Each structure stands twice: as C-alpha cells, then as structure tokens.
C-alpha cells in the first residue's frame, strides 16, 4: 500500500492535524498478531508490549502506535488491488455422469489460480462448503463420475501469499444437472 490516512484528533487539547500519513518506508513491527507503526510526535499514551517494552521509543511523545490486524490489512489490500476472476466459466456434460469445466484466465490483475468447490443441491457458500474441491491455474477440468443430480460449482480465484492464499468472494458460479448419458 502506498498511502494510508488515519484520522488523528487533538490529543491532550492540542490540534495535531486531521490525518496521519503512513509512508512506504514507515517502520513496522508485528506484535500480538497485529502490524503496528508509530504515530508522529504528540501527547499520546505510550504503547508497551505485555512484557513492558516500548516498541518505538521516542523522547518527543512519538512512542504511541497505530495497530492494525493482518485481516484488516488483507481486506484493504484486496479492496485496493483486487483479485482477478476467471471469465467464460461453463459446465457441460462430456461423458457418462462426468462434467467438463472450462474457463478463461484473467488477462490482467492479481491471480495465481482458481479453487473450485463442488456441491449437490445448493451453491457452496465458502471455500470448503462442498464434497469436492479442485485447484487449477489451467483452463479446463474433467470430473470423475458424479451422482445423477443437480451439481453446483463455485469458483474462488486466489492469489498466493506468504502465509497461504487470499480468496476472492466467489462471485463466479454455475450449475448443471448430471445425467447418465450424453447425446452425441
């Protein structure tokens, strides 16, 4: 992220301005599962770790911090930069009780692959809500034999990050009725 603006009130009765700019080079630390960065000089309460240590010591009152959860930063990164989604997603019968999935990769944006979730009877509601999942960076997949019933598939595009994956909201989906045979 290039710029983050954080409102800063008039601490201690002094007007410290209406925002605080966090630059690309601002010092950061990870404590208690949060990312922190120091506030500018002012009259604030000092931030100390549970063991009593001051993380960003300062003689001018700049030892207070802004603290943000990793989940907050993740949501802001996804909101700002987005995860690209696949397009032209379709399901077709191609053999006895087998379904072929086809799609096009995004031509721009952040994208590492797509995570498909398969479920009978209703649309999957999250990345794990189904009887089968399949991950791919390709443009097609053919299932093994499935039950003869209505099949719902939701596609969650993702980017791979240091600690795993970040998924999009899964707005791409389709359904098909699995049949015994295919008319040729």
Protein backbone atom coordinates (compact mmCIF):
# COMPACT_ATOMS: atom_id res chain seq x y z
CA UNK A 1 0.00 0.00 0.00
CA UNK A 2 1.31 3.41 -0.87
CA UNK A 3 -0.77 5.71 1.31
CA UNK A 4 -2.82 5.12 4.42
CA UNK A 5 -4.54 8.06 6.12
CA UNK A 6 -5.54 7.73 9.75
CA UNK A 7 -7.58 10.45 11.49
CA UNK A 8 -5.73 11.89 14.47
CA UNK A 9 -7.64 14.14 16.85
CA UNK A 10 -6.32 16.90 19.06
CA UNK A 11 -4.70 14.73 21.73
CA UNK A 12 -4.15 16.48 25.05
CA UNK A 13 -6.12 19.50 23.89
CA UNK A 14 -3.61 20.28 21.16
CA UNK A 15 -4.52 20.23 17.49
CA UNK A 16 -2.28 17.63 15.85
CA UNK A 17 -3.96 17.79 12.44
CA UNK A 18 -6.73 15.79 10.88
CA UNK A 19 -4.79 12.84 9.46
CA UNK A 20 -1.55 10.92 9.72
CA UNK A 21 0.25 9.76 6.60
CA UNK A 22 1.96 6.36 6.79
CA UNK A 23 4.70 6.32 4.17
CA UNK A 24 6.06 3.31 2.30
CA UNK A 25 9.18 3.47 4.48
CA UNK A 26 7.44 3.76 7.87
CA UNK A 27 8.89 1.41 10.47
CA UNK A 28 6.63 -1.50 11.37
CA UNK A 29 6.63 -4.35 13.84
CA UNK A 30 4.45 -7.41 14.30
CA UNK A 31 3.19 -7.86 17.85
CA UNK A 32 0.29 -9.97 19.10
CA UNK A 33 -0.79 -10.79 15.54
CA UNK A 34 -1.06 -7.13 14.57
CA UNK A 35 1.03 -4.84 12.43
CA UNK A 36 1.97 -1.62 14.22
CA UNK A 37 3.63 1.62 13.17
CA UNK A 38 4.48 4.66 15.34
CA UNK A 39 2.38 7.81 15.47
CA UNK A 40 4.08 11.18 14.97
CA UNK A 41 5.21 13.23 17.95
CA UNK A 42 2.38 14.32 20.20
CA UNK A 43 0.69 13.72 23.53
CA UNK A 44 -0.42 10.09 23.40
CA UNK A 45 -0.34 7.13 25.70
CA UNK A 46 2.83 5.11 25.29
CA UNK A 47 2.44 1.70 23.62
CA UNK A 48 4.13 -1.09 25.55
CA UNK A 49 4.20 -4.83 24.95
CA UNK A 50 2.78 -7.23 27.56
CA UNK A 51 6.28 -7.58 28.99
CA UNK A 52 6.59 -3.78 29.44
CA UNK A 53 8.85 -2.98 26.49
CA UNK A 54 8.37 0.19 24.40
CA UNK A 55 8.42 -0.85 20.76
CA UNK A 56 9.26 2.51 19.17
CA UNK A 57 10.98 4.58 21.91
CA UNK A 58 10.88 8.33 21.42
CA UNK A 59 11.66 11.32 23.63
CA UNK A 60 9.05 13.52 21.94
CA UNK A 61 5.88 11.51 22.60
CA UNK A 62 6.07 9.58 19.33
CA UNK A 63 6.05 6.23 21.10
CA UNK A 64 2.33 5.62 20.58
CA UNK A 65 1.32 3.39 17.69
CA UNK A 66 -1.39 2.65 15.16
CA UNK A 67 -2.26 -1.04 15.34
CA UNK A 68 -3.96 -2.94 12.50
CA UNK A 69 -4.87 -6.61 12.31
CA UNK A 70 -3.47 -8.68 9.47
CA UNK A 71 -7.06 -9.47 8.44
CA UNK A 72 -7.80 -5.73 8.17
CA UNK A 73 -4.70 -5.20 6.03
CA UNK A 74 -5.64 -8.21 3.88
CA UNK A 75 -9.15 -6.85 3.28
CA UNK A 76 -7.76 -3.43 2.41
CA UNK A 77 -5.19 -4.90 0.01
CA UNK A 78 -7.87 -6.96 -1.74
CA UNK A 79 -10.22 -3.96 -1.84
CA UNK A 80 -7.46 -1.72 -3.24
CA UNK A 81 -5.74 -4.07 -5.68
CA UNK A 82 -8.38 -6.77 -6.18
CA UNK A 83 -8.08 -10.39 -7.19
CA UNK A 84 -8.79 -11.00 -10.85
CA UNK A 85 -11.54 -13.52 -11.63
CA UNK A 86 -11.82 -16.14 -14.32
CA UNK A 87 -14.27 -15.47 -17.16
CA UNK A 88 -16.37 -17.55 -19.57
CA UNK A 89 -16.94 -20.24 -16.93
CA UNK A 90 -19.14 -23.12 -18.09
CA UNK A 91 -20.12 -26.66 -17.16
CA UNK A 92 -21.03 -29.27 -19.79
CA UNK A 93 -21.69 -32.99 -19.75
CA UNK A 94 -18.95 -34.79 -21.67
CA UNK A 95 -19.29 -38.45 -20.70
CA UNK A 96 -21.38 -40.79 -18.57
CA UNK A 97 -22.06 -38.77 -15.37
CA UNK A 98 -18.94 -36.65 -15.94
CA UNK A 99 -18.75 -32.87 -16.22
CA UNK A 100 -16.22 -30.71 -18.06
CA UNK A 101 -15.41 -27.29 -16.61
CA UNK A 102 -13.95 -24.67 -18.93
CA UNK A 103 -12.95 -21.07 -18.28
CA UNK A 104 -10.59 -18.31 -19.38
CA UNK A 105 -7.78 -16.98 -17.22
CA UNK A 106 -7.85 -13.28 -16.37
CA UNK A 107 -5.68 -11.21 -18.70
CA UNK A 108 -4.67 -8.70 -16.01
CA UNK A 109 -4.69 -8.26 -12.26
CA UNK A 110 -3.55 -10.32 -9.30
CA UNK A 111 -4.25 -14.02 -9.89
CA UNK A 112 -2.45 -17.26 -9.03
CA UNK A 113 -5.20 -19.78 -9.72
CA UNK A 114 -8.76 -20.84 -9.12
CA UNK A 115 -10.26 -23.05 -6.38
CA UNK A 116 -13.45 -24.86 -7.46
CA UNK A 117 -15.91 -26.10 -4.83
CA UNK A 118 -18.46 -28.78 -5.87
CA UNK A 119 -21.74 -29.31 -4.01
CA UNK A 120 -25.02 -31.11 -4.66
CA UNK A 121 -28.37 -29.40 -4.09
CA UNK A 122 -27.23 -25.83 -3.38
CA UNK A 123 -24.49 -23.36 -4.16
CA UNK A 124 -21.35 -23.61 -1.95
CA UNK A 125 -21.13 -20.72 0.49
CA UNK A 126 -17.37 -20.75 1.15
CA UNK A 127 -14.07 -22.30 0.02
CA UNK A 128 -14.72 -25.54 1.94
CA UNK A 129 -18.52 -25.99 1.63
CA UNK A 130 -18.71 -28.97 -0.71
CA UNK A 131 -17.98 -32.64 -1.26
CA UNK A 132 -15.04 -31.98 -3.57
CA UNK A 133 -12.58 -29.19 -4.38
CA UNK A 134 -10.18 -28.75 -7.27
CA UNK A 135 -7.40 -26.17 -7.67
CA UNK A 136 -6.03 -25.14 -11.04
CA UNK A 137 -4.08 -22.49 -12.92
CA UNK A 138 -5.14 -24.15 -16.20
CA UNK A 139 -8.33 -23.54 -18.25
CA UNK A 140 -10.24 -26.85 -18.04
CA UNK A 141 -11.02 -29.79 -15.79
CA UNK A 142 -12.96 -33.03 -16.24
CA UNK A 143 -14.51 -34.65 -13.19
CA UNK A 144 -14.70 -38.32 -12.36
CA UNK A 145 -18.18 -39.89 -12.32
CA UNK A 146 -20.69 -37.96 -10.27
CA UNK A 147 -24.14 -38.62 -8.83
CA UNK A 148 -27.14 -38.04 -11.09
CA UNK A 149 -28.48 -34.85 -9.58
CA UNK A 150 -28.11 -31.09 -9.66
CA UNK A 151 -24.48 -30.02 -9.23
CA UNK A 152 -23.39 -26.54 -8.19
CA UNK A 153 -19.83 -25.27 -8.67
CA UNK A 154 -18.42 -22.03 -7.29
CA UNK A 155 -15.06 -20.65 -8.42
CA UNK A 156 -12.87 -18.79 -5.93
CA UNK A 157 -9.97 -17.05 -7.64
CA UNK A 158 -6.96 -16.62 -5.39
CA UNK A 159 -3.51 -15.14 -5.02
CA UNK A 160 -0.75 -17.00 -3.25
CA UNK A 161 0.85 -15.05 -0.40
CA UNK A 162 3.50 -15.74 2.22
CA UNK A 163 1.10 -17.41 4.66
CA UNK A 164 -1.17 -19.25 2.20
CA UNK A 165 -3.86 -17.87 -0.08
CA UNK A 166 -6.22 -14.94 -0.29
CA UNK A 167 -9.52 -15.78 -2.00
CA UNK A 168 -11.97 -13.51 -3.77
CA UNK A 169 -15.66 -13.53 -2.87
CA UNK A 170 -16.54 -16.39 -5.24
CA UNK A 171 -18.86 -14.42 -7.50
CA UNK A 172 -18.31 -16.83 -10.42
CA UNK A 173 -20.52 -19.93 -10.31
CA UNK A 174 -22.58 -22.33 -12.41
CA UNK A 175 -24.91 -25.32 -12.08
CA UNK A 176 -25.73 -28.37 -14.17
CA UNK A 177 -27.89 -31.47 -13.86
CA UNK A 178 -25.61 -34.52 -14.03
CA UNK A 179 -27.10 -37.14 -16.40
CA UNK A 180 -26.48 -40.81 -17.18
CA UNK A 181 -25.54 -40.40 -20.82
CA UNK A 182 -24.58 -37.72 -23.26
CA UNK A 183 -26.37 -37.27 -26.59
CA UNK A 184 -23.78 -37.44 -29.33
